[in-house]
Amino acid sequence: MKQSKSLGQVFLKEARFHTMIVDALPGGGTILEIGPGEGQISLRIAQKVKKLYCIELDRRFYTLLTDKFKPQANITLVNGDILKFDISAIPDTLVVFGNVPYYLSTDLIHYLIAHKSRVTDAYLTLQKEFAEKLIAQPGTYNYCFSTCLLQYHAQTAKLFDIPKQAFSPIPKVDSSFMHIRFLTEPPQGFAHEKILFDIIKKAFSQRRKKIANSLRHLSQDKNFFKDLDIDENLRPENLSLEDYIALARYCADNNRGTTHA
């Protein structure tokens, strides 16, 4: 069946990567798969888990899979959009898996963060460049707002790369297979998330500026950064998540807003 360009469909055809993915997924529990496509990987996952939910947006593949999955009593197939799917309808905590269309990556990360009380882990095939942002370290080119956002909520690791030639049709870029494990508690017990991410978003909106300039609206005295042991001459990508948490905690403790005058 021909893939839909509008849905960003590319299918992983190289069998060795099917095996590597299935081997990486945990067994025995409940997995929710995003976009099962033709279902080859789905059938292999179903052999190692208690329950598999497959969310397929494309009605053509949903129809194909309805017949293909009939012999599999532990597979539930849903025709729908993952971003509109009510995870609370599934009684178990979940592991999410998907070879994700590149255009969906950012929205999906936000969706999973919003549902992390129900999702313990996610195993996702993502565009390699986007994946590098999620695991970037301070001081590197890829370190950005998305880095801090996910690293606040989860531990993230790249398991392996997948070359573009392994897909059909062949995309323009390589991919990476990622493991995201969501944290049950925020780092350092910090709970003022709105303040924190307002600060990080503001900093990275002016990432060429020194942090003292991009966040000057937060400081009411010249020793603001010095008191926090943060070099005011650093650029936003040079501050660690812990540094941003320290800034946000100071603002929260001192009732300082995060919008500039």
C-alpha atoms as a PDB file:
ATOM      1  CA  MET A   1       0.000   0.000   0.000  1.00  0.00           C
ATOM      2  CA  LYS A   2       1.323   3.452  -0.946  1.00  0.00           C
ATOM      3  CA  GLN A   3       2.415   5.685   1.911  1.00  0.00           C
ATOM      4  CA  SER A   4       0.731   9.037   2.531  1.00  0.00           C
ATOM      5  CA  LYS A   5       3.054  12.028   2.096  1.00  0.00           C
ATOM      6  CA  SER A   6       0.635  14.285   3.991  1.00  0.00           C
ATOM      7  CA  LEU A   7       0.971  12.035   7.064  1.00  0.00           C
ATOM      8  CA  GLY A   8       4.750  11.859   6.745  1.00  0.00           C
ATOM      9  CA  GLN A   9       4.665   8.087   6.424  1.00  0.00           C
ATOM     10  CA  VAL A  10       7.933   6.241   5.932  1.00  0.00           C
ATOM     11  CA  PHE A  11       8.190   2.567   6.816  1.00  0.00           C
ATOM     12  CA  LEU A  12      11.163   0.867   8.404  1.00  0.00           C
ATOM     13  CA  LYS A  13      11.897  -1.970   5.973  1.00  0.00           C
ATOM     14  CA  GLU A  14      15.260  -3.340   7.122  1.00  0.00           C
ATOM     15  CA  ALA A  15      14.503  -6.426   9.232  1.00  0.00           C
ATOM     16  CA  ARG A  16      17.546  -6.194  11.501  1.00  0.00           C
ATOM     17  CA  PHE A  17      16.224  -2.923  12.921  1.00  0.00           C
ATOM     18  CA  HIS A  18      12.849  -4.558  13.567  1.00  0.00           C
ATOM     19  CA  THR A  19      14.687  -7.094  15.713  1.00  0.00           C
ATOM     20  CA  MET A  20      16.749  -4.441  17.507  1.00  0.00           C
ATOM     21  CA  ILE A  21      13.611  -2.446  18.328  1.00  0.00           C
ATOM     22  CA  VAL A  22      11.598  -5.431  19.580  1.00  0.00           C
ATOM     23  CA  ASP A  23      14.554  -6.584  21.686  1.00  0.00           C
ATOM     24  CA  ALA A  24      14.806  -3.102  23.262  1.00  0.00           C
ATOM     25  CA  LEU A  25      11.160  -3.016  24.334  1.00  0.00           C
ATOM     26  CA  PRO A  26      10.244  -4.387  27.768  1.00  0.00           C
ATOM     27  CA  GLY A  27       8.134  -7.536  27.914  1.00  0.00           C
ATOM     28  CA  GLY A  28       5.186  -8.587  30.004  1.00  0.00           C
ATOM     29  CA  GLY A  29       3.367  -5.268  30.338  1.00  0.00           C
ATOM     30  CA  THR A  30       1.182  -2.995  28.231  1.00  0.00           C
ATOM     31  CA  ILE A  31       2.520  -1.134  25.199  1.00  0.00           C
ATOM     32  CA  LEU A  32       0.817   1.534  23.130  1.00  0.00           C
ATOM     33  CA  GLU A  33       2.137   1.727  19.576  1.00  0.00           C
ATOM     34  CA  ILE A  34       1.786   4.875  17.500  1.00  0.00           C
ATOM     35  CA  GLY A  35       1.280   4.268  13.777  1.00  0.00           C
ATOM     36  CA  PRO A  36       1.662   0.501  13.319  1.00  0.00           C
ATOM     37  CA  GLY A  37       1.517   0.876   9.521  1.00  0.00           C
ATOM     38  CA  GLU A  38       1.617  -2.588   7.983  1.00  0.00           C
ATOM     39  CA  GLY A  39       1.918  -4.233  11.396  1.00  0.00           C
ATOM     40  CA  GLN A  40       5.124  -6.263  11.044  1.00  0.00           C
ATOM     41  CA  ILE A  41       6.689  -4.900  14.214  1.00  0.00           C
ATOM     42  CA  SER A  42       3.323  -4.934  16.009  1.00  0.00           C
ATOM     43  CA  LEU A  43       2.907  -8.697  15.612  1.00  0.00           C
ATOM     44  CA  ARG A  44       6.348  -9.301  17.059  1.00  0.00           C
ATOM     45  CA  ILE A  45       5.693  -6.985  20.006  1.00  0.00           C
ATOM     46  CA  ALA A  46       2.399  -8.769  20.729  1.00  0.00           C
ATOM     47  CA  GLN A  47       4.348 -11.994  21.321  1.00  0.00           C
ATOM     48  CA  LYS A  48       6.222 -10.501  24.297  1.00  0.00           C
ATOM     49  CA  VAL A  49       3.636  -8.289  26.046  1.00  0.00           C
ATOM     50  CA  LYS A  50       0.400  -8.765  27.952  1.00  0.00           C
ATOM     51  CA  LYS A  51      -1.503  -6.140  25.943  1.00  0.00           C
ATOM     52  CA  LEU A  52      -0.763  -4.065  22.841  1.00  0.00           C
ATOM     53  CA  TYR A  53      -2.797  -1.027  21.818  1.00  0.00           C
ATOM     54  CA  CYS A  54      -2.183   0.223  18.274  1.00  0.00           C
ATOM     55  CA  ILE A  55      -3.268   3.743  17.297  1.00  0.00           C
ATOM     56  CA  GLU A  56      -3.458   4.149  13.512  1.00  0.00           C
ATOM     57  CA  LEU A  57      -4.593   7.427  11.950  1.00  0.00           C
ATOM     58  CA  ASP A  58      -4.664   6.251   8.325  1.00  0.00           C
ATOM     59  CA  ARG A  59      -8.018   4.608   7.663  1.00  0.00           C
ATOM     60  CA  ARG A  60      -6.517   2.475   4.873  1.00  0.00           C
ATOM     61  CA  PHE A  61      -4.001   0.831   7.192  1.00  0.00           C
ATOM     62  CA  TYR A  62      -6.597   0.551   9.947  1.00  0.00           C
ATOM     63  CA  THR A  63      -8.754  -1.531   7.577  1.00  0.00           C
ATOM     64  CA  LEU A  64      -5.769  -3.666   6.568  1.00  0.00           C
ATOM     65  CA  LEU A  65      -4.758  -4.252  10.188  1.00  0.00           C
ATOM     66  CA  THR A  66      -8.283  -5.110  11.322  1.00  0.00           C
ATOM     67  CA  ASP A  67      -8.017  -8.370   9.398  1.00  0.00           C
ATOM     68  CA  LYS A  68      -4.325  -8.882  10.084  1.00  0.00           C
ATOM     69  CA  PHE A  69      -4.714  -8.573  13.866  1.00  0.00           C
ATOM     70  CA  LYS A  70      -7.848 -10.725  14.202  1.00  0.00           C
ATOM     71  CA  PRO A  71      -5.944 -13.827  15.399  1.00  0.00           C
ATOM     72  CA  GLN A  72      -4.157 -11.755  18.071  1.00  0.00           C
ATOM     73  CA  ALA A  73      -6.415 -11.590  21.139  1.00  0.00           C
ATOM     74  CA  ASN A  74      -4.063  -9.242  23.006  1.00  0.00           C
ATOM     75  CA  ILE A  75      -4.049  -6.487  20.332  1.00  0.00           C
ATOM     76  CA  THR A  76      -6.558  -3.623  20.422  1.00  0.00           C
ATOM     77  CA  LEU A  77      -6.597  -1.509  17.255  1.00  0.00           C
ATOM     78  CA  VAL A  78      -7.859   2.074  17.330  1.00  0.00           C
ATOM     79  CA  ASN A  79      -8.424   4.353  14.337  1.00  0.00           C
ATOM     80  CA  GLY A  80      -7.464   7.805  15.582  1.00  0.00           C
ATOM     81  CA  ASP A  81      -4.943  10.569  16.237  1.00  0.00           C
ATOM     82  CA  ILE A  82      -2.539   9.879  19.097  1.00  0.00           C
ATOM     83  CA  LEU A  83      -2.571  13.546  20.104  1.00  0.00           C
ATOM     84  CA  LYS A  84      -6.337  13.292  20.667  1.00  0.00           C
ATOM     85  CA  PHE A  85      -6.297   9.855  22.242  1.00  0.00           C
ATOM     86  CA  ASP A  86      -7.459   9.589  25.863  1.00  0.00           C
ATOM     87  CA  ILE A  87      -4.759   7.549  27.558  1.00  0.00           C
ATOM     88  CA  SER A  88      -6.866   7.383  30.727  1.00  0.00           C
ATOM     89  CA  ALA A  89      -9.176   4.991  28.842  1.00  0.00           C
ATOM     90  CA  ILE A  90      -6.425   2.351  29.199  1.00  0.00           C
ATOM     91  CA  PRO A  91      -6.437   0.937  32.730  1.00  0.00           C
ATOM     92  CA  ASP A  92      -2.726   0.075  32.887  1.00  0.00           C
ATOM     93  CA  THR A  93       0.360   2.232  33.034  1.00  0.00           C
ATOM     94  CA  LEU A  94       1.958   2.243  29.612  1.00  0.00           C
ATOM     95  CA  VAL A  95       5.108   2.045  27.607  1.00  0.00           C
ATOM     96  CA  VAL A  96       4.737   4.020  24.370  1.00  0.00           C
ATOM     97  CA  PHE A  97       6.449   2.957  21.163  1.00  0.00           C
ATOM     98  CA  GLY A  98       6.431   4.534  17.732  1.00  0.00           C
ATOM     99  CA  ASN A  99       8.322   5.159  14.519  1.00  0.00           C
ATOM    100  CA  VAL A 100       7.145   8.755  14.626  1.00  0.00           C
ATOM    101  CA  PRO A 101       6.535  10.993  11.585  1.00  0.00           C
ATOM    102  CA  TYR A 102       9.065  13.785  11.887  1.00  0.00           C
ATOM    103  CA  TYR A 103       6.461  16.556  11.820  1.00  0.00           C
ATOM    104  CA  LEU A 104       4.817  15.039  14.913  1.00  0.00           C
ATOM    105  CA  SER A 105       7.914  14.830  17.123  1.00  0.00           C
ATOM    106  CA  THR A 106       7.661  18.057  19.131  1.00  0.00           C
ATOM    107  CA  ASP A 107       3.913  17.803  19.717  1.00  0.00           C
ATOM    108  CA  LEU A 108       4.266  14.169  20.733  1.00  0.00           C
ATOM    109  CA  ILE A 109       6.935  14.980  23.319  1.00  0.00           C
ATOM    110  CA  HIS A 110       4.620  17.596  24.853  1.00  0.00           C
ATOM    111  CA  TYR A 111       1.738  15.102  24.783  1.00  0.00           C
ATOM    112  CA  LEU A 112       3.773  12.448  26.570  1.00  0.00           C
ATOM    113  CA  ILE A 113       4.984  14.902  29.195  1.00  0.00           C
ATOM    114  CA  ALA A 114       1.361  15.900  29.862  1.00  0.00           C
ATOM    115  CA  HIS A 115       0.500  12.205  30.385  1.00  0.00           C
ATOM    116  CA  LYS A 116       3.623  11.067  32.204  1.00  0.00           C
ATOM    117  CA  SER A 117       1.589   9.944  35.206  1.00  0.00           C
ATOM    118  CA  ARG A 118       0.298   7.135  32.955  1.00  0.00           C
ATOM    119  CA  VAL A 119       3.351   6.636  30.704  1.00  0.00           C
ATOM    120  CA  THR A 120       6.466   5.249  32.374  1.00  0.00           C
ATOM    121  CA  ASP A 121       8.675   5.007  29.270  1.00  0.00           C
ATOM    122  CA  ALA A 122       8.677   5.885  25.587  1.00  0.00           C
ATOM    123  CA  TYR A 123      10.715   4.233  22.830  1.00  0.00           C
ATOM    124  CA  LEU A 124      10.625   6.457  19.761  1.00  0.00           C
ATOM    125  CA  THR A 125      12.260   6.602  16.358  1.00  0.00           C
ATOM    126  CA  LEU A 126      12.942  10.295  15.807  1.00  0.00           C
ATOM    127  CA  GLN A 127      14.776  12.436  13.286  1.00  0.00           C
ATOM    128  CA  LYS A 128      18.437  12.206  14.306  1.00  0.00           C
ATOM    129  CA  GLU A 129      18.904  15.972  14.510  1.00  0.00           C
ATOM    130  CA  PHE A 130      15.902  16.312  16.832  1.00  0.00           C
ATOM    131  CA  ALA A 131      17.082  13.365  18.916  1.00  0.00           C
ATOM    132  CA  GLU A 132      20.478  15.026  19.384  1.00  0.00           C
ATOM    133  CA  LYS A 133      18.714  18.056  20.877  1.00  0.00           C
ATOM    134  CA  LEU A 134      16.948  15.880  23.433  1.00  0.00           C
ATOM    135  CA  ILE A 135      20.215  14.443  24.788  1.00  0.00           C
ATOM    136  CA  ALA A 136      22.402  17.540  24.340  1.00  0.00           C
ATOM    137  CA  GLN A 137      24.670  18.783  27.110  1.00  0.00           C
ATOM    138  CA  PRO A 138      25.153  22.427  28.182  1.00  0.00           C
ATOM    139  CA  GLY A 139      27.655  24.299  26.041  1.00  0.00           C
ATOM    140  CA  THR A 140      26.828  22.399  22.847  1.00  0.00           C
ATOM    141  CA  TYR A 141      25.138  23.653  19.695  1.00  0.00           C
ATOM    142  CA  ASN A 142      22.103  21.379  20.057  1.00  0.00           C
ATOM    143  CA  TYR A 143      21.340  22.407  23.653  1.00  0.00           C
ATOM    144  CA  CYS A 144      18.067  24.347  23.605  1.00  0.00           C
ATOM    145  CA  PHE A 145      14.665  24.862  25.236  1.00  0.00           C
ATOM    146  CA  SER A 146      13.471  21.375  24.176  1.00  0.00           C
ATOM    147  CA  THR A 147      16.559  19.869  25.830  1.00  0.00           C
ATOM    148  CA  CYS A 148      15.763  21.460  29.169  1.00  0.00           C
ATOM    149  CA  LEU A 149      12.063  20.669  28.916  1.00  0.00           C
ATOM    150  CA  LEU A 150      12.527  16.946  28.406  1.00  0.00           C
ATOM    151  CA  GLN A 151      15.500  16.576  30.741  1.00  0.00           C
ATOM    152  CA  TYR A 152      13.406  18.171  33.495  1.00  0.00           C
ATOM    153  CA  HIS A 153      10.725  15.535  33.039  1.00  0.00           C
ATOM    154  CA  ALA A 154      12.709  12.480  31.958  1.00  0.00           C
ATOM    155  CA  GLN A 155      15.967  10.639  31.530  1.00  0.00           C
ATOM    156  CA  THR A 156      16.734  10.231  27.847  1.00  0.00           C
ATOM    157  CA  ALA A 157      19.183   8.000  25.986  1.00  0.00           C
ATOM    158  CA  LYS A 158      19.928   7.206  22.363  1.00  0.00           C
ATOM    159  CA  LEU A 159      19.931   3.445  21.839  1.00  0.00           C
ATOM    160  CA  PHE A 160      21.062   3.361  18.209  1.00  0.00           C
ATOM    161  CA  ASP A 161      20.972   5.247  14.916  1.00  0.00           C
ATOM    162  CA  ILE A 162      18.990   4.112  11.877  1.00  0.00           C
ATOM    163  CA  PRO A 163      20.277   5.217   8.450  1.00  0.00           C
ATOM    164  CA  LYS A 164      17.779   6.726   6.045  1.00  0.00           C
ATOM    165  CA  GLN A 165      18.364   3.863   3.605  1.00  0.00           C
ATOM    166  CA  ALA A 166      16.584   1.514   6.031  1.00  0.00           C
ATOM    167  CA  PHE A 167      13.260   3.273   5.314  1.00  0.00           C
ATOM    168  CA  SER A 168      10.880   3.310   2.368  1.00  0.00           C
ATOM    169  CA  PRO A 169      10.500   5.762   0.802  1.00  0.00           C
ATOM    170  CA  ILE A 170      13.982   6.968   1.733  1.00  0.00           C
ATOM    171  CA  PRO A 171      13.730  10.205   3.754  1.00  0.00           C
ATOM    172  CA  LYS A 172      16.257  13.011   3.519  1.00  0.00           C
ATOM    173  CA  VAL A 173      17.722  12.448   6.985  1.00  0.00           C
ATOM    174  CA  ASP A 174      18.842   9.661   9.326  1.00  0.00           C
ATOM    175  CA  SER A 175      16.929   8.652  12.444  1.00  0.00           C
ATOM    176  CA  SER A 176      17.729   7.615  16.009  1.00  0.00           C
ATOM    177  CA  PHE A 177      15.923   5.172  18.278  1.00  0.00           C
ATOM    178  CA  MET A 178      15.442   6.790  21.687  1.00  0.00           C
ATOM    179  CA  HIS A 179      14.503   5.623  25.168  1.00  0.00           C
ATOM    180  CA  ILE A 180      12.740   8.179  27.366  1.00  0.00           C
ATOM    181  CA  ARG A 181      12.087   7.258  31.005  1.00  0.00           C
ATOM    182  CA  PHE A 182       9.772   9.705  32.719  1.00  0.00           C
ATOM    183  CA  LEU A 183      10.621  10.901  36.224  1.00  0.00           C
ATOM    184  CA  THR A 184       8.078  10.575  39.009  1.00  0.00           C
ATOM    185  CA  GLU A 185       9.483  13.617  40.823  1.00  0.00           C
ATOM    186  CA  PRO A 186      10.947  16.865  39.418  1.00  0.00           C
ATOM    187  CA  PRO A 187      14.724  17.449  39.724  1.00  0.00           C
ATOM    188  CA  GLN A 188      15.797  18.860  43.085  1.00  0.00           C
ATOM    189  CA  GLY A 189      12.184  18.788  44.265  1.00  0.00           C
ATOM    190  CA  PHE A 190      11.441  21.958  42.278  1.00  0.00           C
ATOM    191  CA  ALA A 191       7.749  22.525  41.576  1.00  0.00           C
ATOM    192  CA  HIS A 192       7.435  26.019  40.035  1.00  0.00           C
ATOM    193  CA  GLU A 193       7.415  24.785  36.455  1.00  0.00           C
ATOM    194  CA  LYS A 194       5.774  27.836  34.886  1.00  0.00           C
ATOM    195  CA  ILE A 195       8.407  30.174  36.323  1.00  0.00           C
ATOM    196  CA  LEU A 196      11.199  27.824  35.276  1.00  0.00           C
ATOM    197  CA  PHE A 197      10.113  27.405  31.663  1.00  0.00           C
ATOM    198  CA  ASP A 198       9.226  31.080  31.270  1.00  0.00           C
ATOM    199  CA  ILE A 199      12.837  31.825  32.196  1.00  0.00           C
ATOM    200  CA  ILE A 200      14.304  29.164  29.890  1.00  0.00           C
ATOM    201  CA  LYS A 201      12.092  30.183  26.973  1.00  0.00           C
ATOM    202  CA  LYS A 202      13.028  33.845  27.428  1.00  0.00           C
ATOM    203  CA  ALA A 203      16.736  33.001  27.635  1.00  0.00           C
ATOM    204  CA  PHE A 204      16.763  30.901  24.461  1.00  0.00           C
ATOM    205  CA  SER A 205      14.684  33.428  22.538  1.00  0.00           C
ATOM    206  CA  GLN A 206      17.836  35.580  22.677  1.00  0.00           C
ATOM    207  CA  ARG A 207      20.495  32.899  22.746  1.00  0.00           C
ATOM    208  CA  ARG A 208      23.164  35.097  21.142  1.00  0.00           C
ATOM    209  CA  LYS A 209      23.014  37.484  24.083  1.00  0.00           C
ATOM    210  CA  LYS A 210      24.745  37.097  27.427  1.00  0.00           C
ATOM    211  CA  ILE A 211      22.441  35.676  30.074  1.00  0.00           C
ATOM    212  CA  ALA A 212      22.678  38.951  32.013  1.00  0.00           C
ATOM    213  CA  ASN A 213      21.142  40.756  29.036  1.00  0.00           C
ATOM    214  CA  SER A 214      18.516  38.224  28.006  1.00  0.00           C
ATOM    215  CA  LEU A 215      17.304  37.887  31.627  1.00  0.00           C
ATOM    216  CA  ARG A 216      18.014  41.412  32.830  1.00  0.00           C
ATOM    217  CA  HIS A 217      14.321  41.915  33.596  1.00  0.00           C
ATOM    218  CA  LEU A 218      14.622  39.404  36.456  1.00  0.00           C
ATOM    219  CA  SER A 219      17.421  41.243  38.232  1.00  0.00           C
ATOM    220  CA  GLN A 220      16.769  44.146  40.562  1.00  0.00           C
ATOM    221  CA  ASP A 221      20.351  44.429  41.736  1.00  0.00           C
ATOM    222  CA  LYS A 222      23.756  44.041  40.136  1.00  0.00           C
ATOM    223  CA  ASN A 223      24.670  41.049  42.327  1.00  0.00           C
ATOM    224  CA  PHE A 224      21.717  38.932  41.170  1.00  0.00           C
ATOM    225  CA  PHE A 225      23.776  36.415  39.187  1.00  0.00           C
ATOM    226  CA  LYS A 226      26.784  36.644  41.485  1.00  0.00           C
ATOM    227  CA  ASP A 227      24.680  35.666  44.498  1.00  0.00           C
ATOM    228  CA  LEU A 228      23.559  32.578  42.592  1.00  0.00           C
ATOM    229  CA  ASP A 229      27.141  31.770  41.549  1.00  0.00           C
ATOM    230  CA  ILE A 230      26.218  32.073  37.870  1.00  0.00           C
ATOM    231  CA  ASP A 231      28.533  33.889  35.467  1.00  0.00           C
ATOM    232  CA  GLU A 232      26.413  36.652  33.932  1.00  0.00           C
ATOM    233  CA  ASN A 233      28.623  36.641  30.819  1.00  0.00           C
ATOM    234  CA  LEU A 234      27.550  33.127  29.840  1.00  0.00           C
ATOM    235  CA  ARG A 235      25.153  32.541  26.976  1.00  0.00           C
ATOM    236  CA  PRO A 236      21.885  30.612  27.496  1.00  0.00           C
ATOM    237  CA  GLU A 237      23.285  27.335  26.131  1.00  0.00           C
ATOM    238  CA  ASN A 238      26.067  27.402  28.743  1.00  0.00           C
ATOM    239  CA  LEU A 239      23.701  27.215  31.710  1.00  0.00           C
ATOM    240  CA  SER A 240      22.748  23.778  32.984  1.00  0.00           C
ATOM    241  CA  LEU A 241      19.216  22.801  33.917  1.00  0.00           C
ATOM    242  CA  GLU A 242      20.352  23.048  37.539  1.00  0.00           C
ATOM    243  CA  ASP A 243      21.399  26.668  36.909  1.00  0.00           C
ATOM    244  CA  TYR A 244      17.987  27.494  35.476  1.00  0.00           C
ATOM    245  CA  ILE A 245      16.298  25.808  38.425  1.00  0.00           C
ATOM    246  CA  ALA A 246      18.409  27.946  40.778  1.00  0.00           C
ATOM    247  CA  LEU A 247      17.285  31.092  38.926  1.00  0.00           C
ATOM    248  CA  ALA A 248      13.653  30.017  39.029  1.00  0.00           C
ATOM    249  CA  ARG A 249      13.806  29.052  42.703  1.00  0.00           C
ATOM    250  CA  TYR A 250      15.272  32.467  43.563  1.00  0.00           C
ATOM    251  CA  CYS A 251      12.475  34.195  41.640  1.00  0.00           C
ATOM    252  CA  ALA A 252       9.809  32.015  43.260  1.00  0.00           C
ATOM    253  CA  ASP A 253      11.203  32.558  46.768  1.00  0.00           C
ATOM    254  CA  ASN A 254      11.403  36.301  46.245  1.00  0.00           C
ATOM    255  CA  ASN A 255       8.063  36.690  44.428  1.00  0.00           C
ATOM    256  CA  ARG A 256       9.691  37.989  41.262  1.00  0.00           C
ATOM    257  CA  GLY A 257       7.757  37.696  38.030  1.00  0.00           C
ATOM    258  CA  THR A 258       9.180  36.222  34.859  1.00  0.00           C
ATOM    259  CA  THR A 259       7.834  38.669  32.287  1.00  0.00           C
ATOM    260  CA  HIS A 260       9.893  41.722  31.474  1.00  0.00           C
ATOM    261  CA  ALA A 261       8.513  45.171  31.983  1.00  0.00           C
END
